């Protein structure tokens, strides 16, 4: 009878071992109490890259980033799992080829029936794509919030300088990009003139030479390209981008990627809006589309303020001319009545009219 139970147990264990070994959509392996790999399934080989003969007998620290290893994280997680009964974490892990993946890790301490602790079971799943989707959704929500908030600022804006300053501050605060700046296109000098910034934007503009926009010098230069094409220019990895003379100065400030939005209206280019990130590959298409809409709304807001000011100035000038014309007419009529009554001579009329109307001379022709 005991032999029968032992055989059933051995068969059950063998079936379980085969099941675990054949699982391909997640890594399942066992560590001893010192963190040494003792079993390895096909899913682990597929996900992490090591064949069984390469990894058996190796320490689990090879799956962690150098920073995590230095902090003692591999063994600390095992100890925490034993203390709590199990441990589930989401964090970066390292493949055999050195690439990173975002992992969902479940650690369970293992005991023999007598209660002796002999190791740990680890189940690891790759959540990199899920994390990317979540990150993109987060960035899109953030960009939409920036778009909505900035549009409210544009609607209420009455002063151009304050508008662009408020926009830079708001974009920096909501998007959390560490450096934002805005500049206008100087058509006469064919350069970009920085006018407002937030975060590290001020240090950035001091590092940039702002060369000519048009002509042969514009070839391959991102700010010029944004102006020339009226489309966003995205640099996901600044260090790898060729032909940018100022990139070392920007890299020194700790920025790895940037996006440049043109501010364009029907009349032509107004300028640019630039955002910088300390991470490479920081700008995703969905977010860029929303921020591009923000840039278009900003350009429209700026021109609206300018047109409103022009209309107000034109109306003010027209009203002033009308006031002066009425004043002139009243003065001349009054002096004419005085002259007809013999109270004043024509010479005195012209002198008084000249003084009252603040002109050098008034001439009167008699027919």
Protein backbone atom coordinates (compact mmCIF):
# COMPACT_ATOMS: atom_id res chain seq x y z
CA UNK A 1 0.00 0.00 0.00
CA UNK A 2 2.73 2.55 0.85
CA UNK A 3 4.48 1.62 -2.37
CA UNK A 4 1.27 2.37 -4.24
CA UNK A 5 1.00 5.80 -2.62
CA UNK A 6 4.65 6.52 -3.36
CA UNK A 7 4.18 5.54 -6.99
CA UNK A 8 1.13 7.80 -7.29
CA UNK A 9 3.07 10.63 -5.65
CA UNK A 10 6.04 10.11 -7.96
CA UNK A 11 3.72 10.01 -10.97
CA UNK A 12 1.98 13.18 -9.83
CA UNK A 13 5.32 14.92 -9.32
CA UNK A 14 6.51 13.79 -12.75
CA UNK A 15 3.33 15.07 -14.41
CA UNK A 16 3.70 18.38 -12.60
CA UNK A 17 7.37 18.60 -13.66
CA UNK A 18 6.44 17.93 -17.28
CA UNK A 19 3.63 20.47 -17.11
CA UNK A 20 5.92 23.16 -15.71
CA UNK A 21 8.69 22.40 -18.18
CA UNK A 22 6.33 22.68 -21.15
CA UNK A 23 4.77 26.01 -20.15
CA UNK A 24 5.98 28.58 -22.69
CA UNK A 25 4.12 31.81 -21.91
CA UNK A 26 5.84 32.45 -18.58
CA UNK A 27 9.08 31.58 -16.83
CA UNK A 28 8.79 29.03 -14.01
CA UNK A 29 11.92 27.97 -12.15
CA UNK A 30 13.16 26.99 -8.71
CA UNK A 31 15.96 28.48 -6.61
CA UNK A 32 17.68 26.96 -3.62
CA UNK A 33 17.88 28.89 -0.36
CA UNK A 34 20.99 30.74 -1.59
CA UNK A 35 19.33 31.94 -4.79
CA UNK A 36 20.95 29.39 -7.11
CA UNK A 37 18.85 28.27 -10.10
CA UNK A 38 18.01 24.55 -9.81
CA UNK A 39 15.24 24.11 -12.42
CA UNK A 40 14.44 25.93 -15.68
CA UNK A 41 11.44 25.59 -18.00
CA UNK A 42 10.94 26.35 -21.70
CA UNK A 43 9.04 29.52 -20.83
CA UNK A 44 12.06 30.80 -18.90
CA UNK A 45 14.32 30.02 -21.85
CA UNK A 46 11.97 31.85 -24.22
CA UNK A 47 11.47 34.86 -21.98
CA UNK A 48 14.92 35.37 -20.46
CA UNK A 49 17.09 33.80 -23.15
CA UNK A 50 19.21 31.30 -21.24
CA UNK A 51 19.17 27.60 -22.07
CA UNK A 52 18.93 25.26 -19.10
CA UNK A 53 22.56 24.18 -19.37
CA UNK A 54 23.65 27.83 -19.34
CA UNK A 55 21.74 28.95 -16.27
CA UNK A 56 21.48 25.96 -13.93
CA UNK A 57 23.84 26.52 -11.01
CA UNK A 58 23.96 30.31 -11.59
CA UNK A 59 22.81 32.92 -9.08
CA UNK A 60 19.53 34.77 -9.67
CA UNK A 61 21.34 38.14 -9.54
CA UNK A 62 22.04 37.79 -13.28
CA UNK A 63 18.34 38.61 -13.86
CA UNK A 64 18.60 41.96 -12.03
CA UNK A 65 19.92 45.35 -13.11
CA UNK A 66 23.37 46.36 -11.78
CA UNK A 67 21.78 48.98 -9.52
CA UNK A 68 19.42 46.41 -7.99
CA UNK A 69 22.29 43.98 -7.46
CA UNK A 70 24.33 46.68 -5.74
CA UNK A 71 21.41 47.38 -3.40
CA UNK A 72 21.15 43.70 -2.50
CA UNK A 73 17.68 43.39 -3.98
CA UNK A 74 17.86 39.75 -5.27
CA UNK A 75 18.31 38.15 -1.85
CA UNK A 76 16.21 40.81 -0.08
CA UNK A 77 13.18 39.80 -2.16
CA UNK A 78 13.67 36.12 -1.29
CA UNK A 79 13.88 36.95 2.40
CA UNK A 80 10.74 39.10 2.19
CA UNK A 81 8.87 36.32 0.38
CA UNK A 82 9.81 33.81 3.09
CA UNK A 83 8.79 36.23 5.85
CA UNK A 84 5.41 37.04 4.26
CA UNK A 85 4.60 33.65 2.75
CA UNK A 86 4.97 34.98 -0.83
CA UNK A 87 5.89 38.17 -2.67
CA UNK A 88 4.60 39.66 -5.90
CA UNK A 89 6.37 42.60 -7.54
CA UNK A 90 6.49 44.41 -10.87
CA UNK A 91 9.92 45.68 -11.85
CA UNK A 92 12.63 45.64 -14.50
CA UNK A 93 14.45 42.38 -15.23
CA UNK A 94 17.45 41.68 -17.48
CA UNK A 95 17.56 39.14 -20.32
CA UNK A 96 20.62 37.20 -21.42
CA UNK A 97 21.26 39.73 -24.22
CA UNK A 98 21.20 42.61 -21.71
CA UNK A 99 17.82 43.99 -22.77
CA UNK A 100 15.29 44.96 -20.12
CA UNK A 101 11.71 43.79 -19.76
CA UNK A 102 9.00 44.79 -17.29
CA UNK A 103 8.27 41.69 -15.24
CA UNK A 104 5.47 40.50 -13.00
CA UNK A 105 7.28 38.27 -10.48
CA UNK A 106 5.69 35.90 -7.97
CA UNK A 107 8.03 34.35 -5.39
CA UNK A 108 6.83 31.48 -3.19
CA UNK A 109 8.99 29.78 -0.54
CA UNK A 110 9.09 25.98 -0.78
CA UNK A 111 9.02 23.53 2.13
CA UNK A 112 9.23 19.75 2.38
CA UNK A 113 6.33 18.06 4.23
CA UNK A 114 8.35 18.05 7.44
CA UNK A 115 8.46 21.85 7.27
CA UNK A 116 12.09 22.28 6.22
CA UNK A 117 12.63 25.25 3.88
CA UNK A 118 14.56 24.15 0.79
CA UNK A 119 14.11 26.94 -1.78
CA UNK A 120 11.80 29.21 -3.76
CA UNK A 121 9.56 28.92 -6.80
CA UNK A 122 9.52 31.86 -9.16
CA UNK A 123 6.90 32.63 -11.79
CA UNK A 124 7.84 35.50 -14.12
CA UNK A 125 5.61 37.04 -16.81
CA UNK A 126 6.55 39.69 -19.35
CA UNK A 127 4.35 42.79 -18.94
CA UNK A 128 6.43 45.09 -21.13
CA UNK A 129 3.72 45.62 -23.76
CA UNK A 130 1.08 46.13 -21.10
CA UNK A 131 3.31 48.68 -19.38
CA UNK A 132 3.90 50.48 -22.68
CA UNK A 133 0.17 50.68 -23.33
CA UNK A 134 -0.49 51.96 -19.82
CA UNK A 135 2.29 54.52 -20.20
CA UNK A 136 0.92 55.71 -23.53
CA UNK A 137 -2.55 56.04 -22.04
CA UNK A 138 -1.12 58.01 -19.13
CA UNK A 139 0.76 60.33 -21.50
CA UNK A 140 -2.34 60.84 -23.65
CA UNK A 141 -4.47 61.71 -20.62
CA UNK A 142 -1.78 64.11 -19.45
CA UNK A 143 -1.54 65.75 -22.89
CA UNK A 144 -5.34 66.07 -23.10
CA UNK A 145 -5.37 67.77 -19.70
CA UNK A 146 -2.66 70.17 -20.90
CA UNK A 147 -4.66 70.87 -24.07
CA UNK A 148 -7.86 71.55 -22.13
CA UNK A 149 -6.18 73.77 -19.52
CA UNK A 150 -4.19 75.74 -22.08
CA UNK A 151 -7.28 76.35 -24.21
CA UNK A 152 -8.94 77.98 -21.20
CA UNK A 153 -5.88 80.23 -20.85
CA UNK A 154 -6.04 81.10 -24.56
CA UNK A 155 -9.74 81.98 -24.37
CA UNK A 156 -9.18 84.43 -21.49
CA UNK A 157 -5.88 85.87 -22.75
CA UNK A 158 -5.65 89.59 -23.52
CA UNK A 159 -1.86 90.06 -23.45
CA UNK A 160 0.46 88.16 -25.78
CA UNK A 161 3.53 88.12 -23.51
CA UNK A 162 1.55 86.89 -20.52
CA UNK A 163 -0.15 84.27 -22.70
CA UNK A 164 3.08 82.61 -23.82
CA UNK A 165 4.56 82.79 -20.32
CA UNK A 166 1.45 81.18 -18.81
CA UNK A 167 1.43 78.53 -21.54
CA UNK A 168 5.05 77.50 -20.90
CA UNK A 169 4.46 77.25 -17.15
CA UNK A 170 1.23 75.27 -17.58
CA UNK A 171 2.70 72.82 -20.11
CA UNK A 172 5.74 72.26 -17.87
CA UNK A 173 3.56 71.67 -14.81
CA UNK A 174 1.00 69.32 -16.39
CA UNK A 175 3.18 67.29 -18.78
CA UNK A 176 6.02 67.12 -16.23
CA UNK A 177 8.56 67.58 -19.01
CA UNK A 178 11.56 69.18 -17.29
CA UNK A 179 12.22 71.90 -19.87
CA UNK A 180 9.82 73.88 -22.05
CA UNK A 181 10.46 77.02 -24.06
CA UNK A 182 8.83 79.07 -26.78
CA UNK A 183 10.36 81.33 -29.39
CA UNK A 184 9.13 83.53 -32.23
CA UNK A 185 10.41 83.52 -35.77
CA UNK A 186 12.20 86.78 -36.58
CA UNK A 187 11.56 87.06 -40.31
CA UNK A 188 13.86 90.05 -40.79
CA UNK A 189 16.89 88.30 -39.25
CA UNK A 190 15.63 84.81 -40.13
CA UNK A 191 16.28 83.53 -36.61
CA UNK A 192 14.29 82.21 -33.66
CA UNK A 193 14.06 84.55 -30.70
CA UNK A 194 13.29 82.82 -27.36
CA UNK A 195 10.59 84.68 -25.44
CA UNK A 196 9.34 82.41 -22.64
CA UNK A 197 10.41 79.26 -20.82
CA UNK A 198 9.73 77.07 -17.81
CA UNK A 199 11.71 74.51 -15.84
CA UNK A 200 15.14 74.10 -17.37
CA UNK A 201 14.07 75.99 -20.49
CA UNK A 202 16.14 79.07 -19.64
CA UNK A 203 19.37 77.05 -19.48
CA UNK A 204 18.45 75.39 -22.76
CA UNK A 205 17.96 78.62 -24.69
CA UNK A 206 21.31 79.88 -23.45
CA UNK A 207 22.96 76.76 -24.88
CA UNK A 208 21.39 77.10 -28.34
CA UNK A 209 22.97 79.19 -31.12
CA UNK A 210 19.73 79.82 -33.08
CA UNK A 211 21.31 79.85 -36.55
CA UNK A 212 19.61 81.06 -39.70
CA UNK A 213 16.34 79.38 -40.55
CA UNK A 214 16.36 79.45 -44.32
CA UNK A 215 18.84 78.55 -46.98
CA UNK A 216 21.42 75.79 -47.03
CA UNK A 217 22.17 76.11 -43.31
CA UNK A 218 18.68 74.86 -42.53
CA UNK A 219 19.43 71.36 -43.83
CA UNK A 220 19.17 68.73 -41.10
CA UNK A 221 18.58 71.20 -38.25
CA UNK A 222 15.47 70.39 -36.18
CA UNK A 223 14.23 73.92 -35.38
CA UNK A 224 14.61 74.98 -38.99
CA UNK A 225 12.90 71.80 -40.17
CA UNK A 226 9.88 72.44 -37.94
CA UNK A 227 9.56 75.97 -39.34
CA UNK A 228 10.08 74.87 -42.95
CA UNK A 229 7.73 71.87 -42.93
CA UNK A 230 5.12 73.20 -40.47
CA UNK A 231 5.19 69.75 -38.83
CA UNK A 232 6.42 68.51 -35.43
CA UNK A 233 10.01 67.31 -35.31
CA UNK A 234 10.68 64.50 -32.81
CA UNK A 235 14.16 63.48 -31.68
CA UNK A 236 13.81 60.36 -29.55
CA UNK A 237 17.53 59.88 -28.92
CA UNK A 238 19.48 63.12 -29.03
CA UNK A 239 22.87 61.50 -28.42
CA UNK A 240 22.51 59.41 -31.59
CA UNK A 241 21.26 62.28 -33.77
CA UNK A 242 23.85 63.54 -36.29
CA UNK A 243 24.60 67.07 -37.42
CA UNK A 244 23.38 68.93 -34.33
CA UNK A 245 26.19 71.23 -33.14
CA UNK A 246 24.48 72.10 -29.85
CA UNK A 247 23.50 68.58 -28.76
CA UNK A 248 26.42 68.17 -26.32
CA UNK A 249 25.34 71.28 -24.42
CA UNK A 250 21.79 69.93 -24.14
CA UNK A 251 22.95 66.43 -23.17
CA UNK A 252 25.08 68.02 -20.47
CA UNK A 253 21.90 69.48 -18.95
CA UNK A 254 20.52 65.94 -18.65
CA UNK A 255 18.06 65.84 -21.56
CA UNK A 256 17.86 62.84 -23.88
CA UNK A 257 14.95 63.59 -26.23
CA UNK A 258 12.89 66.54 -27.47
CA UNK A 259 9.94 67.47 -29.62
CA UNK A 260 9.56 70.74 -31.54
CA UNK A 261 6.13 72.02 -32.56
CA UNK A 262 5.81 74.77 -35.18
CA UNK A 263 3.49 77.67 -34.39
CA UNK A 264 2.00 78.31 -37.82
CA UNK A 265 -0.90 80.36 -39.15
CA UNK A 266 -2.18 81.17 -42.64
CA UNK A 267 0.13 84.16 -42.89
CA UNK A 268 3.19 81.98 -42.23
CA UNK A 269 5.35 80.76 -39.32
CA UNK A 270 5.06 82.46 -35.93
CA UNK A 271 7.66 80.41 -34.07
CA UNK A 272 8.15 77.15 -32.20
CA UNK A 273 7.23 75.38 -28.96
CA UNK A 274 9.90 72.95 -27.69
CA UNK A 275 9.70 70.31 -24.94
CA UNK A 276 12.53 68.20 -23.53
CA UNK A 277 12.62 64.90 -21.63
CA UNK A 278 15.37 63.35 -19.57
CA UNK A 279 14.41 59.93 -20.99
CA UNK A 280 15.00 58.66 -24.54
CA UNK A 281 11.96 57.58 -26.59
CA UNK A 282 9.75 59.74 -24.38
CA UNK A 283 7.33 61.09 -26.99
CA UNK A 284 4.58 58.79 -28.29
CA UNK A 285 2.38 59.44 -31.36
CA UNK A 286 -0.89 59.82 -29.45
CA UNK A 287 0.62 62.37 -27.08
CA UNK A 288 2.36 64.25 -29.89
CA UNK A 289 -0.93 64.52 -31.80
CA UNK A 290 -2.65 66.16 -28.82
CA UNK A 291 0.27 68.48 -28.10
CA UNK A 292 0.39 69.42 -31.79
CA UNK A 293 -3.26 70.47 -31.51
CA UNK A 294 -2.28 72.52 -28.46
CA UNK A 295 0.44 74.27 -30.51
CA UNK A 296 -2.07 75.04 -33.28
CA UNK A 297 -4.52 76.48 -30.76
CA UNK A 298 -1.74 78.58 -29.26
CA UNK A 299 -0.78 79.98 -32.66
CA UNK A 300 -4.44 80.84 -33.28
CA UNK A 301 -4.66 82.48 -29.84
CA UNK A 302 -1.59 84.62 -30.50
CA UNK A 303 -2.91 85.83 -33.87
CA UNK A 304 -6.33 86.49 -32.32
CA UNK A 305 -4.74 88.76 -29.72
CA UNK A 306 -2.69 90.53 -32.41
CA UNK A 307 -5.72 91.04 -34.65
CA UNK A 308 -7.77 92.29 -31.72
CA UNK A 309 -5.05 94.77 -30.79
CA UNK A 310 -4.82 95.91 -34.43
CA UNK A 311 -8.58 96.43 -34.58
CA UNK A 312 -8.54 98.30 -31.28
CA UNK A 313 -5.67 100.51 -32.47
CA UNK A 314 -7.41 101.17 -35.78
CA UNK A 315 -10.65 102.07 -34.01
CA UNK A 316 -8.76 104.27 -31.56
CA UNK A 317 -7.03 106.09 -34.43
CA UNK A 318 -10.33 106.53 -36.28
CA UNK A 319 -12.08 107.92 -33.21
CA UNK A 320 -9.18 110.29 -32.56
CA UNK A 321 -9.31 111.59 -36.13
CA UNK A 322 -13.06 112.06 -35.84
CA UNK A 323 -12.61 113.93 -32.55
CA UNK A 324 -9.97 116.19 -34.06
CA UNK A 325 -12.11 116.88 -37.12
CA UNK A 326 -15.07 117.85 -34.95
CA UNK A 327 -12.82 120.03 -32.80
CA UNK A 328 -11.37 121.76 -35.84
CA UNK A 329 -14.80 122.43 -37.23
CA UNK A 330 -16.06 123.88 -33.95
CA UNK A 331 -13.03 126.18 -33.61
CA UNK A 332 -13.28 127.50 -37.14
CA UNK A 333 -17.02 128.11 -36.82
CA UNK A 334 -16.54 130.01 -33.56
CA UNK A 335 -13.77 132.16 -35.00
CA UNK A 336 -15.80 132.80 -38.13
CA UNK A 337 -18.70 134.13 -36.05
CA UNK A 338 -16.34 136.39 -34.11
CA UNK A 339 -14.88 137.76 -37.35
CA UNK A 340 -18.36 138.44 -38.80
CA UNK A 341 -19.20 140.47 -35.69
CA UNK A 342 -15.99 142.43 -36.05
CA UNK A 343 -14.59 141.06 -32.83
CA UNK A 344 -11.46 139.65 -34.44
CA UNK A 345 -9.43 140.10 -37.62
CA UNK A 346 -8.58 137.36 -40.14
CA UNK A 347 -4.97 137.44 -38.99
CA UNK A 348 -6.02 136.89 -35.38
CA UNK A 349 -8.36 134.10 -36.53
CA UNK A 350 -5.52 132.22 -38.20
CA UNK A 351 -3.23 132.73 -35.21
CA UNK A 352 -5.82 131.55 -32.67
CA UNK A 353 -6.83 128.62 -34.89
CA UNK A 354 -3.19 127.62 -35.28
CA UNK A 355 -2.66 127.73 -31.50
CA UNK A 356 -5.91 125.94 -30.64
CA UNK A 357 -5.54 123.24 -33.27
CA UNK A 358 -1.83 122.82 -32.46
CA UNK A 359 -0.71 123.24 -36.06
CA UNK A 360 2.03 125.39 -37.47
CA UNK A 361 -0.24 127.54 -39.63
CA UNK A 362 -3.88 127.94 -40.63
CA UNK A 363 -4.71 129.47 -43.99
CA UNK A 364 -8.10 130.89 -44.96
CA UNK A 365 -9.05 131.48 -48.56
CA UNK A 366 -11.82 133.96 -49.30
CA UNK A 367 -13.82 133.75 -52.50
